[in-house]
Structure formats: C-alpha cells, structure tokens
Amino acid sequence: MLERLKSILRDSRDRERIAIALSRGGAMRQARNIDLRRPETWEFGGFSQNGEDGILDVLRSQLSSSNRYFVEIGAADGIENNTAWLLVAERYSGLMIEGNPHLTERAKRSVIPHSIGAEAVDMFVTRETVPRIKKLALHADPDVFSLDIDGNDYFIASALFEHGFRPKIFVVEYNSVFGAERSCTIQYRDDFVITAHPSELCYGVSIAGWRKFFASQGYRFITVDRNGVNGFFVDPSHFQAPFLDQIDGTGWRENLYQFRKFRRSSAEQFELIKAESLHTI
C-alpha cells in the first residue's frame, strides 16, 4: 500500500512538472527575438535544461523534409531531456532510451501517454546494443537524435553511424573540462559510469573531438549552448546552404554547472583528471 501511495504521488508530481514545462517553454518561446545568424537567440527551455528546446526548434523549422521522429539515448525520466518538448508539445513520435529501469518506467507513465507511436525502452547502451537500437527505431534518419550518457558517447556515436543511422540533427553532450582544443574522449569501457572517477569530471568527449568526428561524417557544426553542455551538428543535405552559411555559432563554452561546483576554470578542473588515460580522436 505504501509503495502504491508513493507511486501515485510521483505521478502527480510528474504531471505538475509537465504542465510547468509546457507553460514555461511556451512563454520563453514567444519571448525570443530570433536572429537566424546567432544561435544564442534561438534558445528556450521547457523540458530541456540548457536551451536545447529552442535550438532544436529553429533547426527543425529549417529542415527541407521531416519525418517527425526522434531518438534519444539518455532520456532520464522522460520529462527533463532534449526530446520531451518534441513528444508532448509538438506531437512527434520517437524512441526514448534510458539505462535506469525506474526512470524508464516513469517515462512510460508520464510522457509516453502524450504521444502517438513513441516508446520508452530500458537499455544500458554499449557498442553491442546498437544493433538492437537500429531494430527498434522506426527511422534511421530521425529529425533529431540526442545522445547524452555521460560516458562512452563517442564510441556509441561511431557505432550508430556504422550501423546506418544518419540523423538530420544530432545533439551531443561535450565535456568542457577537456578545453576547447584538446581532441579526446575517455577510454571505452562497457560498464563505464560517471562516478568511475571521484571528481565525476572524467567522462564523455571534448568539443574538438566531436567536431572532428562529425566533420568526418560530412556534418556541419552549428554551436554549443550558452551553459556549455551540448554541441549541435546537422547533415547539410537537409538544409538550405544560405541558412547554414550565415550561422555564427559559439565554438566552446565553460560548463556552468561544473564551474559552480568546483569554483575553478576548466583548465584547473583538468588538473584533477590529467593522470587518467584518454583516447585521442
């Protein structure tokens, strides 16, 4: 009985969070003064943490064709992520993947009922599970693909392309602790979790590493968000060249959350993990 009551309370809080996210996102979306040359003017956050909803909103509006489908790896509880706005507000279908079964179940109860054809799947993603993701996804070229697992992101992205995925818009988390120039990522481990290093700073990919990787796939870099968390890349075959050519994006920003936590710059934060073995991209 107690667990049932807890579940009811969680569901009630999640419904309230969805309502707040829609209200906040709608107000912020309307308040923007968009300059297509400057991605920082695109941002708003309803369900996303760092303005991703707004950047994706503008990029989607410029697509030459759309299948109204997304894939997100690292979808958390389905409410606070990069694709919940697409699912709830824009009525997209898609695939949310999360490695924590409790969070996956919350997503199934909270946001999935708002969708037509969306799914939430419990899966700890490794290179070996990518073929399963390919089978689950309805489209190999979704409008939006979001990857945020605080770890093996680079290796998962490589495997996704090897298995035929080619999203129109790809948003990835980067780790600002590696700086703006260092092209690297962590060493691959199937069981990697962010707490593997006590500082929780040795994870993911540098922005220079992502830029090198996506350039090798024929993608264009757009920008990073103002909080220094995500990088945005697009397949130029789905956009008009004049739109892409005019964009003056930001190449790197300090991760605001890590700066607040450690009260020191990314260069100083890197000193905490400099002894760790990194993979050069």
C-alpha atoms as a PDB file:
ATOM      1  CA  MET A   1       0.000   0.000   0.000  1.00  0.00           C
ATOM      2  CA  LEU A   2       2.817   2.421   0.911  1.00  0.00           C
ATOM      3  CA  GLU A   3       4.585   1.833  -2.407  1.00  0.00           C
ATOM      4  CA  ARG A   4       1.311   2.385  -4.242  1.00  0.00           C
ATOM      5  CA  LEU A   5       0.833   5.735  -2.487  1.00  0.00           C
ATOM      6  CA  LYS A   6       4.402   6.753  -3.316  1.00  0.00           C
ATOM      7  CA  SER A   7       3.787   5.898  -6.958  1.00  0.00           C
ATOM      8  CA  ILE A   8       0.604   7.988  -7.030  1.00  0.00           C
ATOM      9  CA  LEU A   9       2.464  10.949  -5.516  1.00  0.00           C
ATOM     10  CA  ARG A  10       5.298  10.613  -8.056  1.00  0.00           C
ATOM     11  CA  ASP A  11       2.820  10.510 -10.914  1.00  0.00           C
ATOM     12  CA  SER A  12       1.064  13.599  -9.562  1.00  0.00           C
ATOM     13  CA  ARG A  13       4.358  15.486  -9.274  1.00  0.00           C
ATOM     14  CA  ASP A  14       5.339  14.416 -12.788  1.00  0.00           C
ATOM     15  CA  ARG A  15       2.048  15.705 -14.215  1.00  0.00           C
ATOM     16  CA  GLU A  16       2.703  19.014 -12.469  1.00  0.00           C
ATOM     17  CA  ARG A  17       6.257  19.130 -13.882  1.00  0.00           C
ATOM     18  CA  ILE A  18       4.911  18.557 -17.401  1.00  0.00           C
ATOM     19  CA  ALA A  19       2.383  21.366 -17.006  1.00  0.00           C
ATOM     20  CA  ILE A  20       5.074  23.734 -15.715  1.00  0.00           C
ATOM     21  CA  ALA A  21       7.462  22.774 -18.532  1.00  0.00           C
ATOM     22  CA  LEU A  22       4.810  23.449 -21.181  1.00  0.00           C
ATOM     23  CA  SER A  23       3.895  26.796 -19.650  1.00  0.00           C
ATOM     24  CA  ARG A  24       7.496  27.899 -19.175  1.00  0.00           C
ATOM     25  CA  GLY A  25       8.566  26.706 -22.612  1.00  0.00           C
ATOM     26  CA  GLY A  26       5.624  28.352 -24.346  1.00  0.00           C
ATOM     27  CA  ALA A  27       6.315  31.702 -22.676  1.00  0.00           C
ATOM     28  CA  MET A  28      10.052  31.581 -23.398  1.00  0.00           C
ATOM     29  CA  ARG A  29       9.444  30.521 -26.986  1.00  0.00           C
ATOM     30  CA  GLN A  30       7.190  33.502 -27.635  1.00  0.00           C
ATOM     31  CA  ALA A  31       9.560  35.934 -25.904  1.00  0.00           C
ATOM     32  CA  ARG A  32      12.516  35.170 -28.176  1.00  0.00           C
ATOM     33  CA  ASN A  33      13.783  37.666 -30.716  1.00  0.00           C
ATOM     34  CA  ILE A  34      15.280  35.235 -33.214  1.00  0.00           C
ATOM     35  CA  ASP A  35      18.241  36.160 -35.363  1.00  0.00           C
ATOM     36  CA  LEU A  36      18.966  33.203 -37.661  1.00  0.00           C
ATOM     37  CA  ARG A  37      22.643  34.136 -37.666  1.00  0.00           C
ATOM     38  CA  ARG A  38      23.004  33.920 -33.876  1.00  0.00           C
ATOM     39  CA  PRO A  39      22.035  30.607 -32.221  1.00  0.00           C
ATOM     40  CA  GLU A  40      22.109  32.131 -28.744  1.00  0.00           C
ATOM     41  CA  THR A  41      18.889  33.937 -29.722  1.00  0.00           C
ATOM     42  CA  TRP A  42      17.205  30.641 -30.538  1.00  0.00           C
ATOM     43  CA  GLU A  43      17.314  29.138 -27.081  1.00  0.00           C
ATOM     44  CA  PHE A  44      14.441  28.353 -24.766  1.00  0.00           C
ATOM     45  CA  GLY A  45      13.967  25.616 -22.218  1.00  0.00           C
ATOM     46  CA  GLY A  46      10.663  23.947 -21.495  1.00  0.00           C
ATOM     47  CA  PHE A  47      11.690  20.374 -20.786  1.00  0.00           C
ATOM     48  CA  SER A  48      15.373  20.816 -21.642  1.00  0.00           C
ATOM     49  CA  GLN A  49      17.932  22.122 -19.169  1.00  0.00           C
ATOM     50  CA  ASN A  50      20.081  24.369 -21.342  1.00  0.00           C
ATOM     51  CA  GLY A  51      18.059  25.982 -24.098  1.00  0.00           C
ATOM     52  CA  GLU A  52      18.157  22.885 -26.307  1.00  0.00           C
ATOM     53  CA  ASP A  53      14.406  23.041 -26.963  1.00  0.00           C
ATOM     54  CA  GLY A  54      14.852  26.394 -28.674  1.00  0.00           C
ATOM     55  CA  ILE A  55      17.905  25.494 -30.753  1.00  0.00           C
ATOM     56  CA  LEU A  56      16.191  22.338 -31.972  1.00  0.00           C
ATOM     57  CA  ASP A  57      13.017  24.340 -32.659  1.00  0.00           C
ATOM     58  CA  VAL A  58      14.812  26.663 -35.077  1.00  0.00           C
ATOM     59  CA  LEU A  59      16.853  23.925 -36.725  1.00  0.00           C
ATOM     60  CA  ARG A  60      13.730  21.807 -37.275  1.00  0.00           C
ATOM     61  CA  SER A  61      11.978  24.781 -38.847  1.00  0.00           C
ATOM     62  CA  GLN A  62      14.716  24.903 -41.492  1.00  0.00           C
ATOM     63  CA  LEU A  63      14.585  21.229 -42.493  1.00  0.00           C
ATOM     64  CA  SER A  64      13.824  20.583 -46.153  1.00  0.00           C
ATOM     65  CA  SER A  65      11.889  17.430 -45.180  1.00  0.00           C
ATOM     66  CA  SER A  66      10.713  15.918 -41.916  1.00  0.00           C
ATOM     67  CA  ASN A  67       9.623  12.510 -40.633  1.00  0.00           C
ATOM     68  CA  ARG A  68       8.644  13.947 -37.216  1.00  0.00           C
ATOM     69  CA  TYR A  69      10.647  11.288 -35.411  1.00  0.00           C
ATOM     70  CA  PHE A  70      13.358  11.444 -32.750  1.00  0.00           C
ATOM     71  CA  VAL A  71      15.703   9.126 -30.886  1.00  0.00           C
ATOM     72  CA  GLU A  72      17.195   9.990 -27.509  1.00  0.00           C
ATOM     73  CA  ILE A  73      19.772   7.909 -25.656  1.00  0.00           C
ATOM     74  CA  GLY A  74      19.937   9.020 -22.039  1.00  0.00           C
ATOM     75  CA  ALA A  75      16.317  10.153 -21.768  1.00  0.00           C
ATOM     76  CA  ALA A  76      16.203  10.054 -17.938  1.00  0.00           C
ATOM     77  CA  ASP A  77      12.628  10.148 -16.581  1.00  0.00           C
ATOM     78  CA  GLY A  78      11.253  11.378 -19.907  1.00  0.00           C
ATOM     79  CA  ILE A  79      10.459  14.844 -18.617  1.00  0.00           C
ATOM     80  CA  GLU A  80      13.824  16.590 -18.265  1.00  0.00           C
ATOM     81  CA  ASN A  81      15.605  15.884 -21.541  1.00  0.00           C
ATOM     82  CA  ASN A  82      16.060  17.094 -25.117  1.00  0.00           C
ATOM     83  CA  THR A  83      13.076  15.424 -26.784  1.00  0.00           C
ATOM     84  CA  ALA A  84      10.138  15.693 -24.357  1.00  0.00           C
ATOM     85  CA  TRP A  85       9.177  19.016 -25.978  1.00  0.00           C
ATOM     86  CA  LEU A  86       9.003  17.256 -29.326  1.00  0.00           C
ATOM     87  CA  LEU A  87       6.874  14.469 -27.882  1.00  0.00           C
ATOM     88  CA  VAL A  88       4.479  16.454 -25.690  1.00  0.00           C
ATOM     89  CA  ALA A  89       4.262  19.879 -27.356  1.00  0.00           C
ATOM     90  CA  GLU A  90       4.972  19.004 -30.995  1.00  0.00           C
ATOM     91  CA  ARG A  91       3.350  15.541 -31.044  1.00  0.00           C
ATOM     92  CA  TYR A  92       6.390  13.822 -32.504  1.00  0.00           C
ATOM     93  CA  SER A  93       6.815  10.072 -32.270  1.00  0.00           C
ATOM     94  CA  GLY A  94      10.129   8.650 -31.225  1.00  0.00           C
ATOM     95  CA  LEU A  95      12.269   6.390 -29.107  1.00  0.00           C
ATOM     96  CA  MET A  96      13.467   7.272 -25.609  1.00  0.00           C
ATOM     97  CA  ILE A  97      16.214   5.017 -24.250  1.00  0.00           C
ATOM     98  CA  GLU A  98      17.329   5.055 -20.616  1.00  0.00           C
ATOM     99  CA  GLY A  99      19.640   2.753 -18.654  1.00  0.00           C
ATOM    100  CA  ASN A 100      17.853   3.180 -15.323  1.00  0.00           C
ATOM    101  CA  PRO A 101      14.728   0.976 -15.263  1.00  0.00           C
ATOM    102  CA  HIS A 102      12.985   3.111 -12.626  1.00  0.00           C
ATOM    103  CA  LEU A 103      13.378   6.244 -14.743  1.00  0.00           C
ATOM    104  CA  THR A 104      12.196   4.359 -17.826  1.00  0.00           C
ATOM    105  CA  GLU A 105       9.023   3.314 -16.031  1.00  0.00           C
ATOM    106  CA  ARG A 106       8.376   6.923 -15.015  1.00  0.00           C
ATOM    107  CA  ALA A 107       8.767   7.995 -18.632  1.00  0.00           C
ATOM    108  CA  LYS A 108       6.266   5.353 -19.702  1.00  0.00           C
ATOM    109  CA  ARG A 109       3.725   6.719 -17.218  1.00  0.00           C
ATOM    110  CA  SER A 110       4.393  10.446 -17.638  1.00  0.00           C
ATOM    111  CA  VAL A 111       5.216  11.494 -21.215  1.00  0.00           C
ATOM    112  CA  ILE A 112       4.652   8.439 -23.410  1.00  0.00           C
ATOM    113  CA  PRO A 113       0.840   8.623 -22.992  1.00  0.00           C
ATOM    114  CA  HIS A 114       1.009  12.103 -24.627  1.00  0.00           C
ATOM    115  CA  SER A 115       2.452  10.643 -27.823  1.00  0.00           C
ATOM    116  CA  ILE A 116       1.423   8.810 -30.927  1.00  0.00           C
ATOM    117  CA  GLY A 117       3.814   5.958 -31.533  1.00  0.00           C
ATOM    118  CA  ALA A 118       6.544   6.904 -29.051  1.00  0.00           C
ATOM    119  CA  GLU A 119       8.293   4.295 -26.909  1.00  0.00           C
ATOM    120  CA  ALA A 120      10.439   4.298 -23.776  1.00  0.00           C
ATOM    121  CA  VAL A 121      12.945   1.441 -23.568  1.00  0.00           C
ATOM    122  CA  ASP A 122      15.103   0.336 -20.666  1.00  0.00           C
ATOM    123  CA  MET A 123      18.594  -0.311 -22.046  1.00  0.00           C
ATOM    124  CA  PHE A 124      22.134   0.290 -20.796  1.00  0.00           C
ATOM    125  CA  VAL A 125      23.703   1.265 -24.097  1.00  0.00           C
ATOM    126  CA  THR A 126      27.014  -0.201 -25.257  1.00  0.00           C
ATOM    127  CA  ARG A 127      28.513  -0.704 -28.699  1.00  0.00           C
ATOM    128  CA  GLU A 128      26.990  -4.184 -28.701  1.00  0.00           C
ATOM    129  CA  THR A 129      23.433  -2.916 -28.117  1.00  0.00           C
ATOM    130  CA  VAL A 130      23.443  -0.503 -31.078  1.00  0.00           C
ATOM    131  CA  PRO A 131      22.050  -3.136 -33.500  1.00  0.00           C
ATOM    132  CA  ARG A 132      19.070  -3.507 -31.166  1.00  0.00           C
ATOM    133  CA  ILE A 133      18.530   0.252 -31.244  1.00  0.00           C
ATOM    134  CA  LYS A 134      18.574   0.111 -35.041  1.00  0.00           C
ATOM    135  CA  LYS A 135      15.826  -2.532 -34.966  1.00  0.00           C
ATOM    136  CA  LEU A 136      13.717  -0.537 -32.515  1.00  0.00           C
ATOM    137  CA  ALA A 137      13.957   2.790 -34.332  1.00  0.00           C
ATOM    138  CA  LEU A 138      11.320   3.455 -36.995  1.00  0.00           C
ATOM    139  CA  HIS A 139      13.670   5.735 -38.934  1.00  0.00           C
ATOM    140  CA  ALA A 140      17.444   5.673 -39.425  1.00  0.00           C
ATOM    141  CA  ASP A 141      17.309   9.385 -40.322  1.00  0.00           C
ATOM    142  CA  PRO A 142      15.254  10.889 -37.491  1.00  0.00           C
ATOM    143  CA  ASP A 143      14.806  14.641 -37.477  1.00  0.00           C
ATOM    144  CA  VAL A 144      16.561  14.746 -34.100  1.00  0.00           C
ATOM    145  CA  PHE A 145      18.972  12.384 -32.365  1.00  0.00           C
ATOM    146  CA  SER A 146      20.114  13.251 -28.847  1.00  0.00           C
ATOM    147  CA  LEU A 147      22.981  11.395 -27.164  1.00  0.00           C
ATOM    148  CA  ASP A 148      23.814  12.073 -23.517  1.00  0.00           C
ATOM    149  CA  ILE A 149      25.084   9.170 -21.436  1.00  0.00           C
ATOM    150  CA  ASP A 150      27.972  10.870 -19.611  1.00  0.00           C
ATOM    151  CA  GLY A 151      30.487   8.314 -20.769  1.00  0.00           C
ATOM    152  CA  ASN A 152      31.046   6.306 -23.919  1.00  0.00           C
ATOM    153  CA  ASP A 153      29.207   8.807 -26.118  1.00  0.00           C
ATOM    154  CA  TYR A 154      31.899   8.965 -28.820  1.00  0.00           C
ATOM    155  CA  PHE A 155      32.070   5.199 -29.253  1.00  0.00           C
ATOM    156  CA  ILE A 156      28.285   4.889 -29.309  1.00  0.00           C
ATOM    157  CA  ALA A 157      28.025   7.627 -31.939  1.00  0.00           C
ATOM    158  CA  SER A 158      30.627   5.827 -34.059  1.00  0.00           C
ATOM    159  CA  ALA A 159      28.661   2.587 -33.794  1.00  0.00           C
ATOM    160  CA  LEU A 160      25.414   4.353 -34.695  1.00  0.00           C
ATOM    161  CA  PHE A 161      26.858   5.615 -37.968  1.00  0.00           C
ATOM    162  CA  GLU A 162      28.452   2.231 -38.675  1.00  0.00           C
ATOM    163  CA  HIS A 163      25.006   0.641 -38.377  1.00  0.00           C
ATOM    164  CA  GLY A 164      23.343   3.042 -40.783  1.00  0.00           C
ATOM    165  CA  PHE A 165      21.984   5.871 -38.662  1.00  0.00           C
ATOM    166  CA  ARG A 166      22.210   9.318 -40.222  1.00  0.00           C
ATOM    167  CA  PRO A 167      20.112  11.824 -38.263  1.00  0.00           C
ATOM    168  CA  LYS A 168      19.267  15.193 -39.743  1.00  0.00           C
ATOM    169  CA  ILE A 169      20.101  16.989 -36.479  1.00  0.00           C
ATOM    170  CA  PHE A 170      22.434  15.494 -33.874  1.00  0.00           C
ATOM    171  CA  VAL A 171      22.810  16.984 -30.391  1.00  0.00           C
ATOM    172  CA  VAL A 172      25.544  15.613 -28.141  1.00  0.00           C
ATOM    173  CA  GLU A 173      26.881  16.467 -24.708  1.00  0.00           C
ATOM    174  CA  TYR A 174      30.510  17.551 -24.520  1.00  0.00           C
ATOM    175  CA  ASN A 175      32.827  17.817 -21.531  1.00  0.00           C
ATOM    176  CA  SER A 176      34.290  21.317 -21.191  1.00  0.00           C
ATOM    177  CA  VAL A 177      36.942  20.076 -18.757  1.00  0.00           C
ATOM    178  CA  PHE A 178      38.937  18.930 -21.804  1.00  0.00           C
ATOM    179  CA  GLY A 179      39.120  22.523 -23.056  1.00  0.00           C
ATOM    180  CA  ALA A 180      38.451  23.964 -26.484  1.00  0.00           C
ATOM    181  CA  GLU A 181      41.390  22.459 -28.377  1.00  0.00           C
ATOM    182  CA  ARG A 182      42.067  19.001 -26.952  1.00  0.00           C
ATOM    183  CA  SER A 183      40.545  16.328 -29.267  1.00  0.00           C
ATOM    184  CA  CYS A 184      39.865  13.387 -26.979  1.00  0.00           C
ATOM    185  CA  THR A 185      37.450  11.162 -25.105  1.00  0.00           C
ATOM    186  CA  ILE A 186      37.597   8.627 -22.301  1.00  0.00           C
ATOM    187  CA  GLN A 187      38.789   5.087 -22.888  1.00  0.00           C
ATOM    188  CA  TYR A 188      35.922   2.751 -23.783  1.00  0.00           C
ATOM    189  CA  ARG A 189      34.516   0.501 -21.065  1.00  0.00           C
ATOM    190  CA  ASP A 190      31.240  -1.401 -21.387  1.00  0.00           C
ATOM    191  CA  ASP A 191      30.404  -0.753 -17.741  1.00  0.00           C
ATOM    192  CA  PHE A 192      31.508   2.885 -17.560  1.00  0.00           C
ATOM    193  CA  VAL A 193      29.617   5.190 -15.200  1.00  0.00           C
ATOM    194  CA  ILE A 194      30.398   8.820 -14.455  1.00  0.00           C
ATOM    195  CA  THR A 195      31.294   8.014 -10.841  1.00  0.00           C
ATOM    196  CA  ALA A 196      34.260   5.930 -12.065  1.00  0.00           C
ATOM    197  CA  HIS A 197      36.434   8.932 -11.172  1.00  0.00           C
ATOM    198  CA  PRO A 198      35.806  10.501  -7.738  1.00  0.00           C
ATOM    199  CA  SER A 199      35.631  14.005  -9.229  1.00  0.00           C
ATOM    200  CA  GLU A 200      32.986  12.906 -11.782  1.00  0.00           C
ATOM    201  CA  LEU A 201      34.893  15.012 -14.318  1.00  0.00           C
ATOM    202  CA  CYS A 202      36.415  12.237 -16.423  1.00  0.00           C
ATOM    203  CA  TYR A 203      33.626  11.408 -18.845  1.00  0.00           C
ATOM    204  CA  GLY A 204      32.469  11.959 -22.400  1.00  0.00           C
ATOM    205  CA  VAL A 205      34.047  13.842 -25.276  1.00  0.00           C
ATOM    206  CA  SER A 206      35.724  17.193 -25.886  1.00  0.00           C
ATOM    207  CA  ILE A 207      34.023  19.607 -28.268  1.00  0.00           C
ATOM    208  CA  ALA A 208      37.086  19.484 -30.544  1.00  0.00           C
ATOM    209  CA  GLY A 209      36.741  15.697 -30.612  1.00  0.00           C
ATOM    210  CA  TRP A 210      33.088  15.945 -31.573  1.00  0.00           C
ATOM    211  CA  ARG A 211      33.829  18.477 -34.285  1.00  0.00           C
ATOM    212  CA  LYS A 212      36.500  16.242 -35.791  1.00  0.00           C
ATOM    213  CA  PHE A 213      34.239  13.201 -35.631  1.00  0.00           C
ATOM    214  CA  PHE A 214      31.176  14.837 -37.172  1.00  0.00           C
ATOM    215  CA  ALA A 215      33.242  16.530 -39.877  1.00  0.00           C
ATOM    216  CA  SER A 216      34.459  13.064 -40.882  1.00  0.00           C
ATOM    217  CA  GLN A 217      30.785  12.088 -41.302  1.00  0.00           C
ATOM    218  CA  GLY A 218      30.035  15.104 -43.509  1.00  0.00           C
ATOM    219  CA  TYR A 219      28.150  17.063 -40.822  1.00  0.00           C
ATOM    220  CA  ARG A 220      28.263  20.793 -40.109  1.00  0.00           C
ATOM    221  CA  PHE A 221      28.868  22.225 -36.654  1.00  0.00           C
ATOM    222  CA  ILE A 222      26.255  24.760 -35.556  1.00  0.00           C
ATOM    223  CA  THR A 223      27.002  25.897 -31.993  1.00  0.00           C
ATOM    224  CA  VAL A 224      27.193  24.985 -28.327  1.00  0.00           C
ATOM    225  CA  ASP A 225      24.543  26.136 -25.871  1.00  0.00           C
ATOM    226  CA  ARG A 226      25.083  29.054 -23.519  1.00  0.00           C
ATOM    227  CA  ASN A 227      25.563  26.808 -20.478  1.00  0.00           C
ATOM    228  CA  GLY A 228      28.437  24.910 -22.107  1.00  0.00           C
ATOM    229  CA  VAL A 229      26.813  21.464 -22.111  1.00  0.00           C
ATOM    230  CA  ASN A 230      25.716  20.491 -25.647  1.00  0.00           C
ATOM    231  CA  GLY A 231      27.049  20.677 -29.183  1.00  0.00           C
ATOM    232  CA  PHE A 232      24.741  20.752 -32.226  1.00  0.00           C
ATOM    233  CA  PHE A 233      25.528  19.253 -35.624  1.00  0.00           C
ATOM    234  CA  VAL A 234      23.471  18.870 -38.813  1.00  0.00           C
ATOM    235  CA  ASP A 235      23.538  16.899 -42.031  1.00  0.00           C
ATOM    236  CA  PRO A 236      23.775  19.755 -44.569  1.00  0.00           C
ATOM    237  CA  SER A 237      21.877  17.814 -47.223  1.00  0.00           C
ATOM    238  CA  HIS A 238      18.653  18.598 -45.312  1.00  0.00           C
ATOM    239  CA  PHE A 239      19.177  22.378 -45.101  1.00  0.00           C
ATOM    240  CA  GLN A 240      19.485  25.306 -47.470  1.00  0.00           C
ATOM    241  CA  ALA A 241      23.130  26.375 -47.789  1.00  0.00           C
ATOM    242  CA  PRO A 242      22.415  30.113 -47.234  1.00  0.00           C
ATOM    243  CA  PHE A 243      20.889  29.323 -43.833  1.00  0.00           C
ATOM    244  CA  LEU A 244      23.881  27.248 -42.704  1.00  0.00           C
ATOM    245  CA  ASP A 245      26.485  29.592 -44.163  1.00  0.00           C
ATOM    246  CA  GLN A 246      25.201  32.610 -42.231  1.00  0.00           C
ATOM    247  CA  ILE A 247      25.275  30.973 -38.791  1.00  0.00           C
ATOM    248  CA  ASP A 248      27.781  32.457 -36.355  1.00  0.00           C
ATOM    249  CA  GLY A 249      27.770  29.836 -33.617  1.00  0.00           C
ATOM    250  CA  THR A 250      29.846  29.615 -30.457  1.00  0.00           C
ATOM    251  CA  GLY A 251      32.646  27.052 -30.585  1.00  0.00           C
ATOM    252  CA  TRP A 252      33.115  26.348 -26.875  1.00  0.00           C
ATOM    253  CA  ARG A 253      31.837  27.469 -23.518  1.00  0.00           C
ATOM    254  CA  GLU A 254      32.693  26.600 -19.940  1.00  0.00           C
ATOM    255  CA  ASN A 255      30.232  24.156 -18.378  1.00  0.00           C
ATOM    256  CA  LEU A 256      28.329  26.420 -15.999  1.00  0.00           C
ATOM    257  CA  TYR A 257      27.341  23.612 -13.637  1.00  0.00           C
ATOM    258  CA  GLN A 258      30.893  22.291 -13.268  1.00  0.00           C
ATOM    259  CA  PHE A 259      32.231  25.826 -12.796  1.00  0.00           C
ATOM    260  CA  ARG A 260      29.737  26.470  -9.994  1.00  0.00           C
ATOM    261  CA  LYS A 261      30.522  23.149  -8.335  1.00  0.00           C
ATOM    262  CA  PHE A 262      34.312  23.392  -8.408  1.00  0.00           C
ATOM    263  CA  ARG A 263      34.726  27.195  -8.393  1.00  0.00           C
ATOM    264  CA  ARG A 264      37.614  26.862 -10.810  1.00  0.00           C
ATOM    265  CA  SER A 265      38.136  27.009 -14.569  1.00  0.00           C
ATOM    266  CA  SER A 266      38.067  24.001 -16.873  1.00  0.00           C
ATOM    267  CA  ALA A 267      41.864  24.168 -17.144  1.00  0.00           C
ATOM    268  CA  GLU A 268      42.099  23.922 -13.349  1.00  0.00           C
ATOM    269  CA  GLN A 269      39.467  21.176 -13.295  1.00  0.00           C
ATOM    270  CA  PHE A 270      41.509  19.205 -15.825  1.00  0.00           C
ATOM    271  CA  GLU A 271      44.333  19.038 -13.292  1.00  0.00           C
ATOM    272  CA  LEU A 272      42.121  16.707 -11.259  1.00  0.00           C
ATOM    273  CA  ILE A 273      41.972  14.132 -14.064  1.00  0.00           C
ATOM    274  CA  LYS A 274      45.192  14.728 -16.024  1.00  0.00           C
ATOM    275  CA  ALA A 275      46.651  11.412 -14.834  1.00  0.00           C
ATOM    276  CA  GLU A 276      43.808   9.490 -16.492  1.00  0.00           C
ATOM    277  CA  SER A 277      44.393   7.698 -19.796  1.00  0.00           C
ATOM    278  CA  LEU A 278      42.434   9.344 -22.619  1.00  0.00           C
ATOM    279  CA  HIS A 279      41.624   8.252 -26.156  1.00  0.00           C
ATOM    280  CA  THR A 280      42.803  10.686 -28.840  1.00  0.00           C
ATOM    281  CA  ILE A 281      40.325  11.380 -31.639  1.00  0.00           C
END
